[in-house]
């Protein structure tokens, strides 16, 4: 079976590719401790060691359940959260998840803009109708 060619913009001459992943602080500390105890000169070497010996078939790799959500945001808000993500060195998704997790469990009702506009239109129609009946009298 022929394998599809995979390209990576960060691939160098030796055929290595840069891969960036987020590690929880405790896992990072464990890998650094393993690197030091094993005498490996770099963290990359310790990570390659773990990946070389990893067997996804024999290991239960748990996936965290998630749902994909699409939503629209104003350009200014996207720019602001993009800057926050870059500054914090996290993904936009992480910013969204943290923001959503910070929502209060007992929120106060926020007026719906559509309902406010509908009430204003209804009030304007009522006012126009009153003026009409007042003119007839």
C-alpha atoms as a PDB file:
ATOM      1  CA  UNK A   1       0.000   0.000   0.000  1.00  0.00           C
ATOM      2  CA  UNK A   2       1.361   3.407  -0.961  1.00  0.00           C
ATOM      3  CA  UNK A   3       1.622   5.974   1.834  1.00  0.00           C
ATOM      4  CA  UNK A   4       0.477   9.545   1.276  1.00  0.00           C
ATOM      5  CA  UNK A   5       3.209  12.154   1.430  1.00  0.00           C
ATOM      6  CA  UNK A   6       2.981  14.353   4.490  1.00  0.00           C
ATOM      7  CA  UNK A   7       4.529  17.766   4.423  1.00  0.00           C
ATOM      8  CA  UNK A   8       5.236  19.999   7.343  1.00  0.00           C
ATOM      9  CA  UNK A   9       6.355  23.598   6.988  1.00  0.00           C
ATOM     10  CA  UNK A  10       8.648  23.160  10.011  1.00  0.00           C
ATOM     11  CA  UNK A  11      10.451  20.161   8.538  1.00  0.00           C
ATOM     12  CA  UNK A  12      14.217  20.584   8.421  1.00  0.00           C
ATOM     13  CA  UNK A  13      16.910  18.985   6.260  1.00  0.00           C
ATOM     14  CA  UNK A  14      17.331  15.993   8.593  1.00  0.00           C
ATOM     15  CA  UNK A  15      13.663  15.099   8.175  1.00  0.00           C
ATOM     16  CA  UNK A  16      12.696  16.138  11.698  1.00  0.00           C
ATOM     17  CA  UNK A  17       9.567  18.185  12.276  1.00  0.00           C
ATOM     18  CA  UNK A  18       8.819  20.597  15.061  1.00  0.00           C
ATOM     19  CA  UNK A  19       5.824  19.524  17.106  1.00  0.00           C
ATOM     20  CA  UNK A  20       4.385  21.715  19.829  1.00  0.00           C
ATOM     21  CA  UNK A  21       2.001  20.378  22.473  1.00  0.00           C
ATOM     22  CA  UNK A  22       0.779  21.670  25.792  1.00  0.00           C
ATOM     23  CA  UNK A  23       1.750  19.680  28.865  1.00  0.00           C
ATOM     24  CA  UNK A  24       0.230  20.121  32.302  1.00  0.00           C
ATOM     25  CA  UNK A  25       2.862  21.407  34.754  1.00  0.00           C
ATOM     26  CA  UNK A  26       2.985  18.138  36.728  1.00  0.00           C
ATOM     27  CA  UNK A  27       3.508  16.053  33.582  1.00  0.00           C
ATOM     28  CA  UNK A  28       6.247  18.429  32.415  1.00  0.00           C
ATOM     29  CA  UNK A  29       7.962  18.058  35.792  1.00  0.00           C
ATOM     30  CA  UNK A  30       7.739  14.251  35.529  1.00  0.00           C
ATOM     31  CA  UNK A  31       9.333  14.286  32.058  1.00  0.00           C
ATOM     32  CA  UNK A  32      12.134  16.607  33.236  1.00  0.00           C
ATOM     33  CA  UNK A  33      12.754  14.322  36.230  1.00  0.00           C
ATOM     34  CA  UNK A  34      12.847  11.282  33.896  1.00  0.00           C
ATOM     35  CA  UNK A  35      15.285  13.107  31.596  1.00  0.00           C
ATOM     36  CA  UNK A  36      17.623  13.945  34.471  1.00  0.00           C
ATOM     37  CA  UNK A  37      17.466  10.484  36.079  1.00  0.00           C
ATOM     38  CA  UNK A  38      18.039   8.702  32.772  1.00  0.00           C
ATOM     39  CA  UNK A  39      20.928  10.972  31.827  1.00  0.00           C
ATOM     40  CA  UNK A  40      19.341  12.105  28.582  1.00  0.00           C
ATOM     41  CA  UNK A  41      20.831  15.409  27.419  1.00  0.00           C
ATOM     42  CA  UNK A  42      17.590  17.009  26.176  1.00  0.00           C
ATOM     43  CA  UNK A  43      13.904  17.060  26.924  1.00  0.00           C
ATOM     44  CA  UNK A  44      13.292  16.283  23.237  1.00  0.00           C
ATOM     45  CA  UNK A  45      15.220  13.044  23.614  1.00  0.00           C
ATOM     46  CA  UNK A  46      13.129  12.034  26.651  1.00  0.00           C
ATOM     47  CA  UNK A  47       9.911  12.761  24.768  1.00  0.00           C
ATOM     48  CA  UNK A  48      11.110  10.858  21.667  1.00  0.00           C
ATOM     49  CA  UNK A  49      11.968   7.934  23.963  1.00  0.00           C
ATOM     50  CA  UNK A  50       8.417   7.888  25.334  1.00  0.00           C
ATOM     51  CA  UNK A  51       6.865   8.174  21.875  1.00  0.00           C
ATOM     52  CA  UNK A  52       9.081   5.430  20.417  1.00  0.00           C
ATOM     53  CA  UNK A  53       7.851   2.990  23.062  1.00  0.00           C
ATOM     54  CA  UNK A  54       4.220   4.096  23.067  1.00  0.00           C
ATOM     55  CA  UNK A  55       1.690   1.618  21.674  1.00  0.00           C
ATOM     56  CA  UNK A  56      -1.737   3.168  21.178  1.00  0.00           C
ATOM     57  CA  UNK A  57      -3.250  -0.252  20.483  1.00  0.00           C
ATOM     58  CA  UNK A  58      -2.238  -1.680  23.872  1.00  0.00           C
ATOM     59  CA  UNK A  59      -2.788   1.557  25.796  1.00  0.00           C
ATOM     60  CA  UNK A  60      -6.171   2.946  26.650  1.00  0.00           C
ATOM     61  CA  UNK A  61      -5.937   6.476  25.266  1.00  0.00           C
ATOM     62  CA  UNK A  62      -8.870   8.310  26.744  1.00  0.00           C
ATOM     63  CA  UNK A  63     -10.492  10.994  24.706  1.00  0.00           C
ATOM     64  CA  UNK A  64     -12.169  13.731  26.590  1.00  0.00           C
ATOM     65  CA  UNK A  65     -15.718  14.089  25.369  1.00  0.00           C
ATOM     66  CA  UNK A  66     -16.284  17.339  23.580  1.00  0.00           C
ATOM     67  CA  UNK A  67     -18.705  19.043  21.274  1.00  0.00           C
ATOM     68  CA  UNK A  68     -17.729  21.290  18.424  1.00  0.00           C
ATOM     69  CA  UNK A  69     -19.500  24.625  18.409  1.00  0.00           C
ATOM     70  CA  UNK A  70     -19.436  27.301  15.732  1.00  0.00           C
ATOM     71  CA  UNK A  71     -20.321  30.861  16.615  1.00  0.00           C
ATOM     72  CA  UNK A  72     -19.833  34.373  15.314  1.00  0.00           C
ATOM     73  CA  UNK A  73     -18.019  37.167  17.122  1.00  0.00           C
ATOM     74  CA  UNK A  74     -17.388  40.775  16.145  1.00  0.00           C
ATOM     75  CA  UNK A  75     -14.003  41.412  14.514  1.00  0.00           C
ATOM     76  CA  UNK A  76     -12.889  43.591  17.438  1.00  0.00           C
ATOM     77  CA  UNK A  77     -13.614  40.784  19.920  1.00  0.00           C
ATOM     78  CA  UNK A  78     -11.778  38.206  17.799  1.00  0.00           C
ATOM     79  CA  UNK A  79      -8.772  40.545  17.589  1.00  0.00           C
ATOM     80  CA  UNK A  80      -8.825  41.057  21.362  1.00  0.00           C
ATOM     81  CA  UNK A  81      -9.025  37.366  22.255  1.00  0.00           C
ATOM     82  CA  UNK A  82      -6.407  36.514  19.610  1.00  0.00           C
ATOM     83  CA  UNK A  83      -4.042  38.950  21.296  1.00  0.00           C
ATOM     84  CA  UNK A  84      -4.878  37.471  24.698  1.00  0.00           C
ATOM     85  CA  UNK A  85      -4.190  33.965  23.384  1.00  0.00           C
ATOM     86  CA  UNK A  86      -0.842  34.968  21.878  1.00  0.00           C
ATOM     87  CA  UNK A  87       0.114  36.828  25.040  1.00  0.00           C
ATOM     88  CA  UNK A  88      -0.784  33.852  27.238  1.00  0.00           C
ATOM     89  CA  UNK A  89       0.702  31.401  24.690  1.00  0.00           C
ATOM     90  CA  UNK A  90      -2.497  29.385  24.476  1.00  0.00           C
ATOM     91  CA  UNK A  91      -4.988  28.562  21.736  1.00  0.00           C
ATOM     92  CA  UNK A  92      -8.123  30.556  20.982  1.00  0.00           C
ATOM     93  CA  UNK A  93     -10.055  27.460  22.017  1.00  0.00           C
ATOM     94  CA  UNK A  94      -8.426  27.582  25.438  1.00  0.00           C
ATOM     95  CA  UNK A  95      -9.417  31.238  25.863  1.00  0.00           C
ATOM     96  CA  UNK A  96     -13.001  30.337  24.915  1.00  0.00           C
ATOM     97  CA  UNK A  97     -13.090  27.365  27.318  1.00  0.00           C
ATOM     98  CA  UNK A  98     -11.706  29.424  30.218  1.00  0.00           C
ATOM     99  CA  UNK A  99     -14.169  32.237  29.502  1.00  0.00           C
ATOM    100  CA  UNK A 100     -17.064  29.775  29.380  1.00  0.00           C
ATOM    101  CA  UNK A 101     -15.973  28.043  32.573  1.00  0.00           C
ATOM    102  CA  UNK A 102     -15.957  31.444  34.315  1.00  0.00           C
ATOM    103  CA  UNK A 103     -19.634  32.025  33.586  1.00  0.00           C
ATOM    104  CA  UNK A 104     -21.609  32.320  36.826  1.00  0.00           C
ATOM    105  CA  UNK A 105     -23.772  29.360  37.812  1.00  0.00           C
ATOM    106  CA  UNK A 106     -26.622  31.666  38.802  1.00  0.00           C
ATOM    107  CA  UNK A 107     -26.666  34.406  36.146  1.00  0.00           C
ATOM    108  CA  UNK A 108     -28.868  37.463  36.149  1.00  0.00           C
ATOM    109  CA  UNK A 109     -31.089  37.682  33.070  1.00  0.00           C
ATOM    110  CA  UNK A 110     -29.618  39.710  30.237  1.00  0.00           C
ATOM    111  CA  UNK A 111     -32.185  41.576  28.160  1.00  0.00           C
ATOM    112  CA  UNK A 112     -32.576  40.134  24.690  1.00  0.00           C
ATOM    113  CA  UNK A 113     -31.888  42.840  22.080  1.00  0.00           C
ATOM    114  CA  UNK A 114     -34.564  41.390  19.796  1.00  0.00           C
ATOM    115  CA  UNK A 115     -37.197  41.610  22.541  1.00  0.00           C
ATOM    116  CA  UNK A 116     -36.220  45.202  23.338  1.00  0.00           C
ATOM    117  CA  UNK A 117     -36.518  46.205  19.673  1.00  0.00           C
ATOM    118  CA  UNK A 118     -39.873  44.404  19.364  1.00  0.00           C
ATOM    119  CA  UNK A 119     -41.187  46.254  22.453  1.00  0.00           C
ATOM    120  CA  UNK A 120     -39.994  49.595  21.056  1.00  0.00           C
ATOM    121  CA  UNK A 121     -41.710  48.902  17.725  1.00  0.00           C
ATOM    122  CA  UNK A 122     -44.897  47.850  19.512  1.00  0.00           C
ATOM    123  CA  UNK A 123     -44.814  50.996  21.657  1.00  0.00           C
ATOM    124  CA  UNK A 124     -44.225  53.142  18.564  1.00  0.00           C
ATOM    125  CA  UNK A 125     -47.199  51.538  16.802  1.00  0.00           C
ATOM    126  CA  UNK A 126     -49.359  52.106  19.887  1.00  0.00           C
ATOM    127  CA  UNK A 127     -48.275  55.742  19.997  1.00  0.00           C
ATOM    128  CA  UNK A 128     -49.041  56.174  16.298  1.00  0.00           C
ATOM    129  CA  UNK A 129     -52.444  54.557  16.746  1.00  0.00           C
ATOM    130  CA  UNK A 130     -53.248  56.887  19.684  1.00  0.00           C
ATOM    131  CA  UNK A 131     -52.268  59.915  17.604  1.00  0.00           C
ATOM    132  CA  UNK A 132     -54.523  58.716  14.779  1.00  0.00           C
ATOM    133  CA  UNK A 133     -57.528  58.287  17.091  1.00  0.00           C
ATOM    134  CA  UNK A 134     -56.799  61.638  18.739  1.00  0.00           C
ATOM    135  CA  UNK A 135     -56.789  63.381  15.346  1.00  0.00           C
ATOM    136  CA  UNK A 136     -60.142  61.780  14.409  1.00  0.00           C
ATOM    137  CA  UNK A 137     -61.808  63.177  17.535  1.00  0.00           C
END
